[in-house]
Amino acid sequence: MLQTVDPRTRQAEAFRMDVWAGLARRRKALPSRWLYDDRGCELFEAITRLEEYYPTRTETAILQMHGAEIAAFCGEDAVLLEYGAGAALKTEILLDALDAPRLYVPIDIAGNFLKQTAARIRQRFQRLQIRPLAADFTADFEIPSGVPLTPRVAFFPGSTIGNLNEAETLAFLSRMRAHVGPQGKAMIGVDLKKDIPTLVAAYDDKKRVTAAFNLNLLARVNRELRGTFMLDQYAHEARWNDAESAVEMHLVSLQCQRVTVDGRSFAFAAGETIHTESSRKYSPDGFSGLAQHGGWRIRAMWTDPQRRFGVFGMCAA
């Protein structure tokens, strides 16, 4: 008799393996997806309201300003797949603009947070069918068979695409292309290149909400993996990596120390860091070339007057 494994058990094991492997590296690093437990999602939504964090309000303004054009691009009766849905606040703007959307499928790794989001969207759009899907969009997964194949439109707002390296981005674009099918479309939010002080400030706010968001990853390790991190012995740091065209988030060890995670021990030197996230910034041409390699054709880019952010409309190639 076949035995099925609870998805929560699989996720817990994946978390453990990623943490063990990441802390054993010469340059310690943890995948950014693990920042987004329920508490991490709450903190990230608080970040999006900060003065320094321009991407959310800029993308929101773009969706509001160009709603009619975006709706025309998506077409009527759309089946909307949203990757990394989070609180889906910008999605409400899109759903308001769309012409009779058929179905909304929010996809997110944080299951409890996803349920809250789906409940709120149901209350606001009572005639809209909603099928939340708990999944890690950075790994392969299947869209449920009951979701109509056409006309699917993928939605990936928030510049989250910048958290992926080039190989991960190409894999994601190809996965999304497979999900929507040969007639599918997609809209992706992309943070565009600009002056470095503005970029770094967006990830190191005065109220230290981003610091709490970053440190929450260590709290999660302590809670879920019997970790022994002392959070007051680590500091949040944002830095610019010119070679990668990315703002990086790090957790800096403030002294020589040793921690254990589910029985395995890891040493930290004073000043040693854990790299927790990169947020890559693109030129319009740079992202267009990457999208083409991932199986897409750019059909439109909607932007703000200062060209700080772009929402790219794409068709499957």
C-alpha atoms as a PDB file:
ATOM      1  CA  MET A   1       0.000   0.000   0.000  1.00  0.00           C
ATOM      2  CA  LEU A   2       1.431   3.375  -1.000  1.00  0.00           C
ATOM      3  CA  GLN A   3       2.039   5.807   1.825  1.00  0.00           C
ATOM      4  CA  THR A   4       1.685   9.525   1.226  1.00  0.00           C
ATOM      5  CA  VAL A   5       3.916  12.046   2.934  1.00  0.00           C
ATOM      6  CA  ASP A   6       2.280  15.078   4.541  1.00  0.00           C
ATOM      7  CA  PRO A   7       3.377  18.230   2.635  1.00  0.00           C
ATOM      8  CA  ARG A   8       4.215  19.858   5.990  1.00  0.00           C
ATOM      9  CA  THR A   9       6.599  16.993   6.746  1.00  0.00           C
ATOM     10  CA  ARG A  10       8.256  17.409   3.346  1.00  0.00           C
ATOM     11  CA  GLN A  11       8.619  21.142   3.901  1.00  0.00           C
ATOM     12  CA  ALA A  12      10.105  20.659   7.380  1.00  0.00           C
ATOM     13  CA  GLU A  13      12.654  18.210   5.988  1.00  0.00           C
ATOM     14  CA  ALA A  14      13.515  20.544   3.102  1.00  0.00           C
ATOM     15  CA  PHE A  15      14.002  23.388   5.597  1.00  0.00           C
ATOM     16  CA  ARG A  16      16.343  21.256   7.724  1.00  0.00           C
ATOM     17  CA  MET A  17      18.401  20.146   4.730  1.00  0.00           C
ATOM     18  CA  ASP A  18      18.701  23.702   3.385  1.00  0.00           C
ATOM     19  CA  VAL A  19      19.795  25.071   6.761  1.00  0.00           C
ATOM     20  CA  TRP A  20      22.343  22.322   7.369  1.00  0.00           C
ATOM     21  CA  ALA A  21      23.770  22.678   3.863  1.00  0.00           C
ATOM     22  CA  GLY A  22      23.742  26.483   3.929  1.00  0.00           C
ATOM     23  CA  LEU A  23      25.499  26.805   7.282  1.00  0.00           C
ATOM     24  CA  ALA A  24      28.140  24.252   6.275  1.00  0.00           C
ATOM     25  CA  ARG A  25      29.227  26.339   3.281  1.00  0.00           C
ATOM     26  CA  ARG A  26      32.443  28.346   3.338  1.00  0.00           C
ATOM     27  CA  ARG A  27      30.278  31.409   2.677  1.00  0.00           C
ATOM     28  CA  LYS A  28      27.185  30.710   4.722  1.00  0.00           C
ATOM     29  CA  ALA A  29      23.870  31.300   2.946  1.00  0.00           C
ATOM     30  CA  LEU A  30      20.220  30.339   3.356  1.00  0.00           C
ATOM     31  CA  PRO A  31      17.557  30.349   0.596  1.00  0.00           C
ATOM     32  CA  SER A  32      15.392  33.456   0.798  1.00  0.00           C
ATOM     33  CA  ARG A  33      12.152  31.455   0.544  1.00  0.00           C
ATOM     34  CA  TRP A  34      12.529  30.441   4.199  1.00  0.00           C
ATOM     35  CA  LEU A  35      12.157  34.078   5.269  1.00  0.00           C
ATOM     36  CA  TYR A  36       8.444  33.766   4.533  1.00  0.00           C
ATOM     37  CA  ASP A  37       6.830  31.855   7.364  1.00  0.00           C
ATOM     38  CA  ASP A  38       3.616  33.387   8.727  1.00  0.00           C
ATOM     39  CA  ARG A  39       5.529  35.906  10.865  1.00  0.00           C
ATOM     40  CA  GLY A  40       7.879  36.682   7.987  1.00  0.00           C
ATOM     41  CA  CYS A  41       4.909  37.380   5.712  1.00  0.00           C
ATOM     42  CA  GLU A  42       3.442  39.749   8.295  1.00  0.00           C
ATOM     43  CA  LEU A  43       6.749  41.608   8.603  1.00  0.00           C
ATOM     44  CA  PHE A  44       7.178  41.806   4.840  1.00  0.00           C
ATOM     45  CA  GLU A  45       3.734  43.368   4.470  1.00  0.00           C
ATOM     46  CA  ALA A  46       4.832  45.959   7.058  1.00  0.00           C
ATOM     47  CA  ILE A  47       7.993  46.592   4.984  1.00  0.00           C
ATOM     48  CA  THR A  48       5.893  47.361   1.914  1.00  0.00           C
ATOM     49  CA  ARG A  49       4.335  50.301   3.787  1.00  0.00           C
ATOM     50  CA  LEU A  50       7.646  51.895   4.776  1.00  0.00           C
ATOM     51  CA  GLU A  51       8.771  55.241   3.399  1.00  0.00           C
ATOM     52  CA  GLU A  52      12.061  53.801   2.100  1.00  0.00           C
ATOM     53  CA  TYR A  53      10.473  50.827   0.351  1.00  0.00           C
ATOM     54  CA  TYR A  54       9.406  52.386  -2.954  1.00  0.00           C
ATOM     55  CA  PRO A  55       8.725  49.204  -5.054  1.00  0.00           C
ATOM     56  CA  THR A  56       5.268  48.446  -3.643  1.00  0.00           C
ATOM     57  CA  ARG A  57       3.771  51.916  -3.937  1.00  0.00           C
ATOM     58  CA  THR A  58       5.393  52.442  -7.350  1.00  0.00           C
ATOM     59  CA  GLU A  59       4.073  49.171  -8.752  1.00  0.00           C
ATOM     60  CA  THR A  60       0.671  49.863  -7.206  1.00  0.00           C
ATOM     61  CA  ALA A  61       0.551  53.238  -8.946  1.00  0.00           C
ATOM     62  CA  ILE A  62       1.502  51.592 -12.265  1.00  0.00           C
ATOM     63  CA  LEU A  63      -1.341  49.059 -11.942  1.00  0.00           C
ATOM     64  CA  GLN A  64      -3.806  51.834 -11.113  1.00  0.00           C
ATOM     65  CA  MET A  65      -2.596  54.156 -13.872  1.00  0.00           C
ATOM     66  CA  HIS A  66      -2.527  51.510 -16.621  1.00  0.00           C
ATOM     67  CA  GLY A  67      -5.367  49.264 -15.429  1.00  0.00           C
ATOM     68  CA  ALA A  68      -7.382  49.479 -18.657  1.00  0.00           C
ATOM     69  CA  GLU A  69      -4.373  48.643 -20.860  1.00  0.00           C
ATOM     70  CA  ILE A  70      -3.346  45.771 -18.597  1.00  0.00           C
ATOM     71  CA  ALA A  71      -6.893  44.380 -18.591  1.00  0.00           C
ATOM     72  CA  ALA A  72      -6.970  44.531 -22.395  1.00  0.00           C
ATOM     73  CA  PHE A  73      -3.649  42.670 -22.523  1.00  0.00           C
ATOM     74  CA  CYS A  74      -4.913  39.919 -20.184  1.00  0.00           C
ATOM     75  CA  GLY A  75      -8.232  39.553 -22.015  1.00  0.00           C
ATOM     76  CA  GLU A  76     -11.625  38.602 -20.651  1.00  0.00           C
ATOM     77  CA  ASP A  77     -12.501  35.460 -18.701  1.00  0.00           C
ATOM     78  CA  ALA A  78      -8.910  35.152 -17.414  1.00  0.00           C
ATOM     79  CA  VAL A  79      -7.670  32.348 -15.170  1.00  0.00           C
ATOM     80  CA  LEU A  80      -5.204  34.224 -12.955  1.00  0.00           C
ATOM     81  CA  LEU A  81      -2.290  32.318 -11.382  1.00  0.00           C
ATOM     82  CA  GLU A  82      -0.379  34.402  -8.849  1.00  0.00           C
ATOM     83  CA  TYR A  83       3.041  33.193  -7.684  1.00  0.00           C
ATOM     84  CA  GLY A  84       4.119  34.168  -4.162  1.00  0.00           C
ATOM     85  CA  ALA A  85       0.724  35.724  -3.505  1.00  0.00           C
ATOM     86  CA  GLY A  86       1.412  36.952   0.045  1.00  0.00           C
ATOM     87  CA  ALA A  87      -1.358  39.350   1.080  1.00  0.00           C
ATOM     88  CA  ALA A  88      -2.336  39.871  -2.595  1.00  0.00           C
ATOM     89  CA  LEU A  89      -3.080  43.561  -2.063  1.00  0.00           C
ATOM     90  CA  LYS A  90      -1.988  44.553  -5.570  1.00  0.00           C
ATOM     91  CA  THR A  91      -3.997  41.643  -6.935  1.00  0.00           C
ATOM     92  CA  GLU A  92      -7.189  43.371  -5.819  1.00  0.00           C
ATOM     93  CA  ILE A  93      -6.325  46.258  -8.171  1.00  0.00           C
ATOM     94  CA  LEU A  94      -5.787  43.824 -11.035  1.00  0.00           C
ATOM     95  CA  LEU A  95      -8.962  41.845 -10.317  1.00  0.00           C
ATOM     96  CA  ASP A  96     -10.936  45.105 -10.229  1.00  0.00           C
ATOM     97  CA  ALA A  97      -9.572  46.010 -13.672  1.00  0.00           C
ATOM     98  CA  LEU A  98     -10.004  42.604 -15.360  1.00  0.00           C
ATOM     99  CA  ASP A  99     -13.021  41.837 -17.512  1.00  0.00           C
ATOM    100  CA  ALA A 100     -14.990  39.027 -15.809  1.00  0.00           C
ATOM    101  CA  PRO A 101     -12.064  36.934 -14.513  1.00  0.00           C
ATOM    102  CA  ARG A 102     -13.011  33.249 -14.315  1.00  0.00           C
ATOM    103  CA  LEU A 103     -10.751  31.943 -11.554  1.00  0.00           C
ATOM    104  CA  TYR A 104      -7.999  33.121  -9.191  1.00  0.00           C
ATOM    105  CA  VAL A 105      -5.298  30.687  -8.025  1.00  0.00           C
ATOM    106  CA  PRO A 106      -3.059  32.277  -5.358  1.00  0.00           C
ATOM    107  CA  ILE A 107       0.149  30.253  -4.829  1.00  0.00           C
ATOM    108  CA  ASP A 108       2.304  30.661  -1.737  1.00  0.00           C
ATOM    109  CA  ILE A 109       4.610  28.646   0.508  1.00  0.00           C
ATOM    110  CA  ALA A 110       3.051  30.028   3.750  1.00  0.00           C
ATOM    111  CA  GLY A 111      -0.118  27.947   4.031  1.00  0.00           C
ATOM    112  CA  ASN A 112      -1.817  29.700   6.952  1.00  0.00           C
ATOM    113  CA  PHE A 113      -1.143  33.146   5.520  1.00  0.00           C
ATOM    114  CA  LEU A 114      -2.458  31.916   2.159  1.00  0.00           C
ATOM    115  CA  LYS A 115      -5.752  30.852   3.755  1.00  0.00           C
ATOM    116  CA  GLN A 116      -6.190  34.330   5.245  1.00  0.00           C
ATOM    117  CA  THR A 117      -5.507  35.942   1.880  1.00  0.00           C
ATOM    118  CA  ALA A 118      -7.974  33.666   0.072  1.00  0.00           C
ATOM    119  CA  ALA A 119     -10.668  34.395   2.664  1.00  0.00           C
ATOM    120  CA  ARG A 120     -10.205  38.155   2.251  1.00  0.00           C
ATOM    121  CA  ILE A 121     -10.323  37.974  -1.553  1.00  0.00           C
ATOM    122  CA  ARG A 122     -13.480  35.819  -1.392  1.00  0.00           C
ATOM    123  CA  GLN A 123     -15.171  38.429   0.758  1.00  0.00           C
ATOM    124  CA  ARG A 124     -14.229  41.228  -1.636  1.00  0.00           C
ATOM    125  CA  PHE A 125     -14.954  39.364  -4.917  1.00  0.00           C
ATOM    126  CA  GLN A 126     -17.878  37.142  -4.039  1.00  0.00           C
ATOM    127  CA  ARG A 127     -18.571  35.969  -7.594  1.00  0.00           C
ATOM    128  CA  LEU A 128     -14.970  34.967  -8.262  1.00  0.00           C
ATOM    129  CA  GLN A 129     -13.897  31.345  -7.916  1.00  0.00           C
ATOM    130  CA  ILE A 130     -10.731  30.991  -5.811  1.00  0.00           C
ATOM    131  CA  ARG A 131      -8.491  27.937  -5.478  1.00  0.00           C
ATOM    132  CA  PRO A 132      -5.521  28.609  -3.174  1.00  0.00           C
ATOM    133  CA  LEU A 133      -2.503  26.372  -3.736  1.00  0.00           C
ATOM    134  CA  ALA A 134       0.188  25.894  -1.074  1.00  0.00           C
ATOM    135  CA  ALA A 135       3.422  25.362  -3.009  1.00  0.00           C
ATOM    136  CA  ASP A 136       6.999  26.594  -3.322  1.00  0.00           C
ATOM    137  CA  PHE A 137       7.126  28.393  -6.662  1.00  0.00           C
ATOM    138  CA  THR A 138      10.930  27.978  -6.805  1.00  0.00           C
ATOM    139  CA  ALA A 139      10.480  24.193  -7.182  1.00  0.00           C
ATOM    140  CA  ASP A 140       8.521  22.126  -9.679  1.00  0.00           C
ATOM    141  CA  PHE A 141       4.845  21.640  -8.868  1.00  0.00           C
ATOM    142  CA  GLU A 142       1.646  20.918 -10.799  1.00  0.00           C
ATOM    143  CA  ILE A 143      -1.350  23.172 -11.288  1.00  0.00           C
ATOM    144  CA  PRO A 144      -4.435  21.132 -10.176  1.00  0.00           C
ATOM    145  CA  SER A 145      -6.247  19.401 -13.041  1.00  0.00           C
ATOM    146  CA  GLY A 146      -9.492  21.227 -12.304  1.00  0.00           C
ATOM    147  CA  VAL A 147      -7.980  24.603 -13.207  1.00  0.00           C
ATOM    148  CA  PRO A 148      -8.934  25.473 -16.832  1.00  0.00           C
ATOM    149  CA  LEU A 149      -5.963  25.535 -19.191  1.00  0.00           C
ATOM    150  CA  THR A 150      -7.093  28.667 -21.028  1.00  0.00           C
ATOM    151  CA  PRO A 151      -6.973  31.563 -20.867  1.00  0.00           C
ATOM    152  CA  ARG A 152      -4.323  31.414 -18.138  1.00  0.00           C
ATOM    153  CA  VAL A 153      -2.437  34.545 -17.087  1.00  0.00           C
ATOM    154  CA  ALA A 154       0.495  34.303 -14.655  1.00  0.00           C
ATOM    155  CA  PHE A 155       1.001  37.215 -12.249  1.00  0.00           C
ATOM    156  CA  PHE A 156       4.293  37.685 -10.391  1.00  0.00           C
ATOM    157  CA  PRO A 157       4.344  41.177  -8.849  1.00  0.00           C
ATOM    158  CA  GLY A 158       6.550  42.791  -6.246  1.00  0.00           C
ATOM    159  CA  SER A 159       9.972  42.434  -7.918  1.00  0.00           C
ATOM    160  CA  THR A 160      10.283  38.974  -6.310  1.00  0.00           C
ATOM    161  CA  ILE A 161      11.874  37.835  -9.561  1.00  0.00           C
ATOM    162  CA  GLY A 162      14.963  39.710  -8.352  1.00  0.00           C
ATOM    163  CA  ASN A 163      15.397  37.250  -5.459  1.00  0.00           C
ATOM    164  CA  LEU A 164      16.342  34.503  -7.930  1.00  0.00           C
ATOM    165  CA  ASN A 165      19.749  34.075  -9.552  1.00  0.00           C
ATOM    166  CA  GLU A 166      19.997  33.680 -13.312  1.00  0.00           C
ATOM    167  CA  ALA A 167      19.648  29.890 -13.342  1.00  0.00           C
ATOM    168  CA  GLU A 168      16.718  30.021 -10.904  1.00  0.00           C
ATOM    169  CA  THR A 169      15.072  32.802 -12.919  1.00  0.00           C
ATOM    170  CA  LEU A 170      15.295  30.825 -16.155  1.00  0.00           C
ATOM    171  CA  ALA A 171      13.942  27.719 -14.416  1.00  0.00           C
ATOM    172  CA  PHE A 172      11.057  29.728 -12.959  1.00  0.00           C
ATOM    173  CA  LEU A 173      10.221  31.395 -16.281  1.00  0.00           C
ATOM    174  CA  SER A 174      10.203  27.981 -17.980  1.00  0.00           C
ATOM    175  CA  ARG A 175       8.029  26.514 -15.200  1.00  0.00           C
ATOM    176  CA  MET A 176       5.577  29.400 -15.466  1.00  0.00           C
ATOM    177  CA  ARG A 177       5.547  28.987 -19.254  1.00  0.00           C
ATOM    178  CA  ALA A 178       4.605  25.315 -18.825  1.00  0.00           C
ATOM    179  CA  HIS A 179       1.862  26.223 -16.328  1.00  0.00           C
ATOM    180  CA  VAL A 180       0.084  28.707 -18.603  1.00  0.00           C
ATOM    181  CA  GLY A 181       0.481  26.698 -21.808  1.00  0.00           C
ATOM    182  CA  PRO A 182       1.273  27.760 -25.376  1.00  0.00           C
ATOM    183  CA  GLN A 183      -1.473  30.411 -25.455  1.00  0.00           C
ATOM    184  CA  GLY A 184      -0.672  31.778 -22.008  1.00  0.00           C
ATOM    185  CA  LYS A 185       0.368  35.217 -20.867  1.00  0.00           C
ATOM    186  CA  ALA A 186       2.234  36.628 -17.882  1.00  0.00           C
ATOM    187  CA  MET A 187       2.806  39.887 -16.044  1.00  0.00           C
ATOM    188  CA  ILE A 188       5.951  40.284 -13.965  1.00  0.00           C
ATOM    189  CA  GLY A 189       6.979  43.189 -11.740  1.00  0.00           C
ATOM    190  CA  VAL A 190      10.660  44.116 -12.088  1.00  0.00           C
ATOM    191  CA  ASP A 191      12.640  46.640 -10.050  1.00  0.00           C
ATOM    192  CA  LEU A 192      14.749  48.683 -12.462  1.00  0.00           C
ATOM    193  CA  LYS A 193      18.312  49.896 -11.953  1.00  0.00           C
ATOM    194  CA  LYS A 194      18.728  53.266 -10.214  1.00  0.00           C
ATOM    195  CA  ASP A 195      21.051  55.078  -7.780  1.00  0.00           C
ATOM    196  CA  ILE A 196      22.621  52.825  -5.151  1.00  0.00           C
ATOM    197  CA  PRO A 197      21.676  54.852  -1.999  1.00  0.00           C
ATOM    198  CA  THR A 198      17.985  54.584  -2.900  1.00  0.00           C
ATOM    199  CA  LEU A 199      18.339  50.848  -3.508  1.00  0.00           C
ATOM    200  CA  VAL A 200      20.171  50.077  -0.258  1.00  0.00           C
ATOM    201  CA  ALA A 201      17.868  52.251   1.876  1.00  0.00           C
ATOM    202  CA  ALA A 202      14.892  50.200   0.696  1.00  0.00           C
ATOM    203  CA  TYR A 203      16.412  47.171   2.462  1.00  0.00           C
ATOM    204  CA  ASP A 204      17.686  48.920   5.599  1.00  0.00           C
ATOM    205  CA  ASP A 205      14.885  51.128   6.934  1.00  0.00           C
ATOM    206  CA  LYS A 206      15.138  53.504   9.886  1.00  0.00           C
ATOM    207  CA  LYS A 207      12.425  51.688  11.850  1.00  0.00           C
ATOM    208  CA  ARG A 208      14.389  48.426  11.503  1.00  0.00           C
ATOM    209  CA  VAL A 209      11.403  46.440  10.262  1.00  0.00           C
ATOM    210  CA  THR A 210      13.605  44.833   7.590  1.00  0.00           C
ATOM    211  CA  ALA A 211      16.091  43.894  10.317  1.00  0.00           C
ATOM    212  CA  ALA A 212      13.303  42.156  12.237  1.00  0.00           C
ATOM    213  CA  PHE A 213      12.224  40.387   9.031  1.00  0.00           C
ATOM    214  CA  ASN A 214      15.767  39.123   8.444  1.00  0.00           C
ATOM    215  CA  LEU A 215      16.353  38.072  12.065  1.00  0.00           C
ATOM    216  CA  ASN A 216      13.026  36.240  12.077  1.00  0.00           C
ATOM    217  CA  LEU A 217      14.728  33.582   9.937  1.00  0.00           C
ATOM    218  CA  LEU A 218      16.987  32.703  12.877  1.00  0.00           C
ATOM    219  CA  ALA A 219      13.976  32.698  15.202  1.00  0.00           C
ATOM    220  CA  ARG A 220      12.313  30.260  12.816  1.00  0.00           C
ATOM    221  CA  VAL A 221      15.353  27.968  12.894  1.00  0.00           C
ATOM    222  CA  ASN A 222      15.260  28.073  16.700  1.00  0.00           C
ATOM    223  CA  ARG A 223      11.543  27.294  16.782  1.00  0.00           C
ATOM    224  CA  GLU A 224      11.296  24.636  14.089  1.00  0.00           C
ATOM    225  CA  LEU A 225      14.766  23.041  14.113  1.00  0.00           C
ATOM    226  CA  ARG A 226      15.817  23.257  17.762  1.00  0.00           C
ATOM    227  CA  GLY A 227      18.307  25.978  16.889  1.00  0.00           C
ATOM    228  CA  THR A 228      20.369  27.799  19.499  1.00  0.00           C
ATOM    229  CA  PHE A 229      20.854  31.160  17.768  1.00  0.00           C
ATOM    230  CA  MET A 230      21.033  34.131  20.140  1.00  0.00           C
ATOM    231  CA  LEU A 231      19.334  36.794  18.060  1.00  0.00           C
ATOM    232  CA  ASP A 232      20.994  39.686  19.882  1.00  0.00           C
ATOM    233  CA  GLN A 233      24.362  38.353  18.704  1.00  0.00           C
ATOM    234  CA  TYR A 234      23.497  38.887  15.026  1.00  0.00           C
ATOM    235  CA  ALA A 235      22.912  42.118  13.109  1.00  0.00           C
ATOM    236  CA  HIS A 236      21.079  42.839   9.883  1.00  0.00           C
ATOM    237  CA  GLU A 237      23.126  44.366   7.067  1.00  0.00           C
ATOM    238  CA  ALA A 238      22.166  45.464   3.530  1.00  0.00           C
ATOM    239  CA  ARG A 239      24.926  45.880   0.968  1.00  0.00           C
ATOM    240  CA  TRP A 240      25.245  46.484  -2.774  1.00  0.00           C
ATOM    241  CA  ASN A 241      26.880  43.811  -4.946  1.00  0.00           C
ATOM    242  CA  ASP A 242      27.854  45.550  -8.176  1.00  0.00           C
ATOM    243  CA  ALA A 243      28.910  42.367  -9.967  1.00  0.00           C
ATOM    244  CA  GLU A 244      25.453  40.844  -9.405  1.00  0.00           C
ATOM    245  CA  SER A 245      23.585  44.169  -9.742  1.00  0.00           C
ATOM    246  CA  ALA A 246      21.855  43.271  -6.490  1.00  0.00           C
ATOM    247  CA  VAL A 247      21.143  44.464  -2.982  1.00  0.00           C
ATOM    248  CA  GLU A 248      22.101  41.666  -0.587  1.00  0.00           C
ATOM    249  CA  MET A 249      20.780  41.030   2.912  1.00  0.00           C
ATOM    250  CA  HIS A 250      23.126  39.470   5.434  1.00  0.00           C
ATOM    251  CA  LEU A 251      23.034  38.465   9.099  1.00  0.00           C
ATOM    252  CA  VAL A 252      26.370  39.369  10.699  1.00  0.00           C
ATOM    253  CA  SER A 253      27.757  37.442  13.652  1.00  0.00           C
ATOM    254  CA  LEU A 254      28.852  39.969  16.284  1.00  0.00           C
ATOM    255  CA  GLN A 255      31.315  37.613  17.981  1.00  0.00           C
ATOM    256  CA  CYS A 256      32.947  34.207  17.687  1.00  0.00           C
ATOM    257  CA  GLN A 257      30.250  31.700  18.574  1.00  0.00           C
ATOM    258  CA  ARG A 258      28.882  28.243  17.932  1.00  0.00           C
ATOM    259  CA  VAL A 259      25.272  27.204  17.351  1.00  0.00           C
ATOM    260  CA  THR A 260      23.491  23.892  16.927  1.00  0.00           C
ATOM    261  CA  VAL A 261      20.613  23.079  14.579  1.00  0.00           C
ATOM    262  CA  ASP A 262      18.841  19.763  15.156  1.00  0.00           C
ATOM    263  CA  GLY A 263      21.987  18.373  16.772  1.00  0.00           C
ATOM    264  CA  ARG A 264      24.530  19.622  14.203  1.00  0.00           C
ATOM    265  CA  SER A 265      27.055  22.232  15.295  1.00  0.00           C
ATOM    266  CA  PHE A 266      28.229  25.256  13.279  1.00  0.00           C
ATOM    267  CA  ALA A 267      30.968  27.764  14.145  1.00  0.00           C
ATOM    268  CA  PHE A 268      30.863  31.490  13.375  1.00  0.00           C
ATOM    269  CA  ALA A 269      33.788  33.887  13.372  1.00  0.00           C
ATOM    270  CA  ALA A 270      33.244  37.483  14.462  1.00  0.00           C
ATOM    271  CA  GLY A 271      32.031  39.394  11.408  1.00  0.00           C
ATOM    272  CA  GLU A 272      31.094  36.261   9.474  1.00  0.00           C
ATOM    273  CA  THR A 273      27.738  36.521   7.725  1.00  0.00           C
ATOM    274  CA  ILE A 274      24.804  34.449   6.552  1.00  0.00           C
ATOM    275  CA  HIS A 275      23.640  35.662   3.134  1.00  0.00           C
ATOM    276  CA  THR A 276      19.842  35.466   3.278  1.00  0.00           C
ATOM    277  CA  GLU A 277      18.576  37.290   0.184  1.00  0.00           C
ATOM    278  CA  SER A 278      19.631  38.993  -3.028  1.00  0.00           C
ATOM    279  CA  SER A 279      17.379  41.447  -4.824  1.00  0.00           C
ATOM    280  CA  ARG A 280      18.614  41.869  -8.383  1.00  0.00           C
ATOM    281  CA  LYS A 281      17.882  45.002 -10.392  1.00  0.00           C
ATOM    282  CA  TYR A 282      17.458  44.946 -14.163  1.00  0.00           C
ATOM    283  CA  SER A 283      17.542  47.228 -17.139  1.00  0.00           C
ATOM    284  CA  PRO A 284      14.519  46.802 -19.448  1.00  0.00           C
ATOM    285  CA  ASP A 285      16.731  45.277 -22.153  1.00  0.00           C
ATOM    286  CA  GLY A 286      18.454  42.989 -19.649  1.00  0.00           C
ATOM    287  CA  PHE A 287      15.207  41.535 -18.358  1.00  0.00           C
ATOM    288  CA  SER A 288      13.742  41.240 -21.867  1.00  0.00           C
ATOM    289  CA  GLY A 289      16.714  39.127 -22.960  1.00  0.00           C
ATOM    290  CA  LEU A 290      16.365  36.868 -19.925  1.00  0.00           C
ATOM    291  CA  ALA A 291      12.635  36.434 -20.517  1.00  0.00           C
ATOM    292  CA  GLN A 292      13.288  35.442 -24.120  1.00  0.00           C
ATOM    293  CA  HIS A 293      15.640  32.677 -22.977  1.00  0.00           C
ATOM    294  CA  GLY A 294      12.896  31.488 -20.614  1.00  0.00           C
ATOM    295  CA  GLY A 295      10.382  31.026 -23.423  1.00  0.00           C
ATOM    296  CA  TRP A 296       8.619  34.389 -23.493  1.00  0.00           C
ATOM    297  CA  ARG A 297       8.139  37.384 -25.795  1.00  0.00           C
ATOM    298  CA  ILE A 298       7.793  40.843 -24.260  1.00  0.00           C
ATOM    299  CA  ARG A 299       4.663  42.544 -25.563  1.00  0.00           C
ATOM    300  CA  ALA A 300       4.500  45.612 -23.286  1.00  0.00           C
ATOM    301  CA  MET A 301       6.187  47.333 -20.365  1.00  0.00           C
ATOM    302  CA  TRP A 302       4.224  49.661 -18.133  1.00  0.00           C
ATOM    303  CA  THR A 303       6.291  51.957 -15.939  1.00  0.00           C
ATOM    304  CA  ASP A 304       6.149  55.066 -13.753  1.00  0.00           C
ATOM    305  CA  PRO A 305       7.246  58.539 -14.923  1.00  0.00           C
ATOM    306  CA  GLN A 306      10.673  58.126 -13.267  1.00  0.00           C
ATOM    307  CA  ARG A 307      11.103  54.607 -14.722  1.00  0.00           C
ATOM    308  CA  ARG A 308      11.908  53.192 -11.304  1.00  0.00           C
ATOM    309  CA  PHE A 309       9.854  50.031 -11.788  1.00  0.00           C
ATOM    310  CA  GLY A 310       8.452  48.061 -14.712  1.00  0.00           C
ATOM    311  CA  VAL A 311       5.500  45.701 -15.122  1.00  0.00           C
ATOM    312  CA  PHE A 312       6.257  43.499 -18.125  1.00  0.00           C
ATOM    313  CA  GLY A 313       3.448  41.959 -20.191  1.00  0.00           C
ATOM    314  CA  MET A 314       4.626  38.747 -21.856  1.00  0.00           C
ATOM    315  CA  CYS A 315       3.234  36.087 -24.204  1.00  0.00           C
ATOM    316  CA  ALA A 316       4.414  32.498 -24.425  1.00  0.00           C
ATOM    317  CA  ALA A 317       6.877  32.087 -27.289  1.00  0.00           C
END
